Amino acid sequence: MPMPSASRRDRKKAATRQAIADAALHLFLERGYDQVSIRDIADAADVSTATVFKHFSGKEALVFDQDEDREAQLIAAVRKRASDQSILDALREHVLDTWPSIEAHPQAAEFTDLVNSTPVLRAYAERMWTRYTDSLSAAIADEFGVDHDDLACVALARFVLEIPVLARGRQDRRAAVEAIFGILTHGWEPPSKPPAQ
C-alpha cells in the first residue's frame, strides 16, 4: 500500500526548515559558528527569528538539522527489518545505504572541521552520539526482551556507531565497513602477517 504523500502545508514547512538549515550552514562555514547570530540566519533565509525557533531548538540544532531523522532511521533499521534478517545485517545495510552519501557530500570535510573546531558543537555532537547509543541499544535490547542497559546491546550499539569514524580515512571505505561488520559477526582474530618477500 503506497504511503500518502505529504500535504502542501507539510511540504512548505519542510522547505522552510531546509532553507533555514542551508542558510545557517552557509553562514557558519563562511564566518565561523560564533560569528553568526540567529538574526543573521533569519535574515539570510528571509524568515523571522520566531520562525527559526519554531523549527529549531537553538543554534546548535541548526548545524545538526538532520539529527532526529538520522536517529529515527537508525532505530527503524532494527525494528523494521525483514523477519529473516539479523540485527547485524540490518545495521550493516543501513550504514552502507546512508553513510557513503554523507561522506561524499562536497561540504563534508568543511562540516567536520567546523564541528571539531567549535567546542560547543563538539559537546553537542557528543551528547547526540550518546543519545544515539542509548536509543540504538534500547531498540536492540527490545528485540531480545532484555533490559535496556544490557552490556552486550550497549556494546554493539557503540561499535556500530563508531564504524563510520573507523572507516573514514580508508581508501576503500565500503570494504572497511564490510570488514568491521565481519569482525562483529564472526569475532576478532589476530591479523596475519604478510609473507616475507
Protein backbone atom coordinates (compact mmCIF):
# COMPACT_ATOMS: atom_id res chain seq x y z
CA MET A 1 0.00 0.00 0.00
CA PRO A 2 1.60 3.34 -1.02
CA MET A 3 2.31 5.89 1.69
CA PRO A 4 0.14 9.03 1.47
CA SER A 5 2.09 11.97 0.08
CA ALA A 6 2.83 14.89 2.37
CA SER A 7 0.29 17.70 2.33
CA ARG A 8 1.13 21.00 0.66
CA ARG A 9 1.41 22.59 4.12
CA ASP A 10 3.85 19.90 5.31
CA ARG A 11 5.95 20.29 2.16
CA LYS A 12 6.07 24.04 2.68
CA LYS A 13 7.13 23.62 6.32
CA ALA A 14 9.83 21.15 5.30
CA ALA A 15 11.09 23.53 2.59
CA THR A 16 11.23 26.42 5.07
CA ARG A 17 13.10 24.28 7.59
CA GLN A 18 15.60 23.19 4.94
CA ALA A 19 16.09 26.78 3.72
CA ILE A 20 16.87 27.88 7.29
CA ALA A 21 19.32 25.00 7.81
CA ASP A 22 21.04 25.67 4.47
CA ALA A 23 21.37 29.38 5.21
CA ALA A 24 22.78 28.62 8.67
CA LEU A 25 25.37 26.17 7.38
CA HIS A 26 26.45 28.56 4.63
CA LEU A 27 26.98 31.36 7.17
CA PHE A 28 28.70 29.10 9.71
CA LEU A 29 31.16 27.82 7.11
CA GLU A 30 31.75 31.32 5.74
CA ARG A 31 32.14 33.25 9.02
CA GLY A 32 32.56 30.70 11.79
CA TYR A 33 29.92 29.47 14.22
CA ASP A 34 30.50 32.08 16.93
CA GLN A 35 30.34 34.99 14.49
CA VAL A 36 26.79 34.18 13.28
CA SER A 37 23.63 35.13 15.16
CA ILE A 38 20.11 33.74 14.89
CA ARG A 39 19.12 37.13 13.42
CA ASP A 40 21.79 36.70 10.69
CA ILE A 41 20.37 33.27 9.85
CA ALA A 42 16.77 34.51 9.83
CA ASP A 43 17.72 37.37 7.50
CA ALA A 44 19.64 35.06 5.15
CA ALA A 45 16.68 32.65 5.00
CA ASP A 46 14.19 35.53 4.69
CA VAL A 47 12.19 34.46 7.76
CA SER A 48 11.60 35.86 11.25
CA THR A 49 13.66 34.76 14.26
CA ALA A 50 10.41 33.29 15.65
CA THR A 51 10.20 31.07 12.57
CA VAL A 52 13.78 29.87 13.13
CA PHE A 53 12.89 28.89 16.72
CA LYS A 54 9.67 27.27 15.53
CA HIS A 55 11.79 24.80 13.53
CA PHE A 56 14.95 24.53 15.67
CA SER A 57 15.51 24.43 19.42
CA GLY A 58 18.66 26.52 19.26
CA LYS A 59 21.74 27.49 17.30
CA GLU A 60 23.49 24.13 17.70
CA ALA A 61 20.45 22.30 16.35
CA LEU A 62 20.81 24.29 13.12
CA VAL A 63 24.16 22.60 12.49
CA PHE A 64 22.76 19.12 13.09
CA ASP A 65 19.46 19.71 11.28
CA GLN A 66 19.02 16.04 10.29
CA ASP A 67 19.76 14.70 13.77
CA GLU A 68 16.25 13.43 14.61
CA ASP A 69 15.74 11.87 11.16
CA ARG A 70 19.06 10.02 11.38
CA GLU A 71 18.24 8.69 14.84
CA ALA A 72 14.79 7.54 13.68
CA GLN A 73 16.29 5.79 10.63
CA LEU A 74 18.84 4.02 12.83
CA ILE A 75 16.13 2.67 15.13
CA ALA A 76 13.93 1.73 12.14
CA ALA A 77 16.81 -0.31 10.72
CA VAL A 78 16.47 -2.61 13.75
CA ARG A 79 12.72 -2.51 14.34
CA LYS A 80 11.51 -2.65 10.74
CA ARG A 81 13.97 -5.16 9.32
CA ALA A 82 12.73 -8.24 7.48
CA SER A 83 11.78 -11.13 9.78
CA ASP A 84 14.60 -13.29 8.40
CA GLN A 85 17.26 -10.55 8.64
CA SER A 86 19.64 -10.43 11.60
CA ILE A 87 20.15 -7.20 13.52
CA LEU A 88 23.80 -7.04 12.41
CA ASP A 89 22.85 -7.48 8.76
CA ALA A 90 20.17 -4.80 9.05
CA LEU A 91 22.61 -2.35 10.65
CA ARG A 92 25.29 -3.18 8.08
CA GLU A 93 22.81 -2.47 5.29
CA HIS A 94 21.75 0.78 6.97
CA VAL A 95 25.33 2.02 7.35
CA LEU A 96 26.19 1.14 3.76
CA ASP A 97 22.98 2.78 2.46
CA THR A 98 23.35 6.05 4.38
CA TRP A 99 26.92 6.81 5.36
CA PRO A 100 28.71 6.92 1.95
CA SER A 101 26.40 9.68 0.68
CA ILE A 102 27.06 11.73 3.84
CA GLU A 103 30.83 11.29 3.42
CA ALA A 104 30.63 12.11 -0.30
CA HIS A 105 28.86 15.44 0.31
CA PRO A 106 31.03 18.25 -1.10
CA GLN A 107 30.94 20.10 2.26
CA ALA A 108 31.64 17.05 4.45
CA ALA A 109 35.24 17.99 5.28
CA GLU A 110 34.32 21.64 6.00
CA PHE A 111 31.42 20.49 8.18
CA THR A 112 33.69 18.14 10.16
CA ASP A 113 36.27 20.93 10.62
CA LEU A 114 33.52 23.31 11.81
CA VAL A 115 32.31 20.83 14.45
CA ASN A 116 35.81 19.82 15.58
CA SER A 117 37.00 23.42 15.90
CA THR A 118 33.95 24.67 17.85
CA PRO A 119 33.79 23.44 21.49
CA VAL A 120 30.02 23.96 21.84
CA LEU A 121 29.39 21.91 18.66
CA ARG A 122 31.78 19.16 19.76
CA ALA A 123 29.90 18.92 23.06
CA TYR A 124 26.54 18.87 21.25
CA ALA A 125 27.80 16.13 18.90
CA GLU A 126 28.97 14.05 21.88
CA ARG A 127 25.55 14.36 23.56
CA MET A 128 23.89 13.42 20.28
CA TRP A 129 26.19 10.38 19.91
CA THR A 130 25.36 9.29 23.49
CA ARG A 131 21.63 9.62 22.74
CA TYR A 132 22.02 7.56 19.55
CA THR A 133 23.86 4.89 21.54
CA ASP A 134 21.11 4.78 24.17
CA SER A 135 18.32 4.66 21.55
CA LEU A 136 20.01 2.01 19.42
CA SER A 137 20.97 -0.20 22.37
CA ALA A 138 17.38 0.06 23.69
CA ALA A 139 15.99 -0.97 20.28
CA ILE A 140 18.38 -3.95 20.15
CA ALA A 141 17.54 -4.92 23.75
CA ASP A 142 13.80 -4.79 22.96
CA GLU A 143 14.32 -7.28 20.14
CA PHE A 144 15.74 -9.78 22.63
CA GLY A 145 13.47 -8.92 25.56
CA VAL A 146 16.32 -7.83 27.84
CA ASP A 147 16.95 -4.69 29.93
CA HIS A 148 17.92 -1.55 28.03
CA ASP A 149 21.26 -1.40 29.88
CA ASP A 150 22.23 -4.93 28.80
CA LEU A 151 26.00 -4.73 28.24
CA ALA A 152 26.01 -6.76 25.02
CA CYS A 153 23.38 -4.46 23.47
CA VAL A 154 25.11 -1.26 24.61
CA ALA A 155 28.48 -2.53 23.33
CA LEU A 156 27.04 -3.46 19.93
CA ALA A 157 25.35 -0.05 19.60
CA ARG A 158 28.62 1.75 20.40
CA PHE A 159 30.64 -0.38 18.00
CA VAL A 160 28.18 0.16 15.16
CA LEU A 161 28.12 3.93 15.70
CA GLU A 162 31.94 4.03 15.59
CA ILE A 163 32.15 2.22 12.24
CA PRO A 164 31.89 5.36 10.06
CA VAL A 165 34.68 7.01 12.08
CA LEU A 166 36.91 3.92 11.79
CA ALA A 167 36.29 3.61 8.05
CA ARG A 168 36.56 7.33 7.22
CA GLY A 169 40.26 7.50 6.34
CA ARG A 170 40.41 4.22 4.44
CA GLN A 171 40.99 4.10 0.70
CA ASP A 172 38.06 1.70 0.18
CA ARG A 173 35.56 2.83 2.80
CA ARG A 174 32.90 0.34 1.76
CA ALA A 175 35.33 -2.57 2.14
CA ALA A 176 36.33 -1.19 5.56
CA VAL A 177 32.69 -1.11 6.70
CA GLU A 178 32.21 -4.70 5.47
CA ALA A 179 35.40 -5.81 7.25
CA ILE A 180 34.35 -4.26 10.58
CA PHE A 181 30.89 -5.82 10.39
CA GLY A 182 32.67 -9.10 9.60
CA ILE A 183 34.56 -8.77 12.88
CA LEU A 184 31.32 -8.09 14.76
CA THR A 185 29.65 -11.08 13.09
CA HIS A 186 32.44 -13.65 13.33
CA GLY A 187 34.58 -12.36 16.19
CA TRP A 188 38.02 -10.80 16.28
CA GLU A 189 41.01 -12.76 15.09
CA PRO A 190 44.65 -11.69 15.13
CA PRO A 191 45.76 -10.28 11.76
CA SER A 192 48.04 -12.48 9.72
CA LYS A 193 51.48 -11.17 8.91
CA PRO A 194 52.09 -10.77 5.18
CA PRO A 195 54.60 -13.30 3.81
CA ALA A 196 58.20 -12.07 3.55
CA GLN A 197 59.27 -11.06 0.06
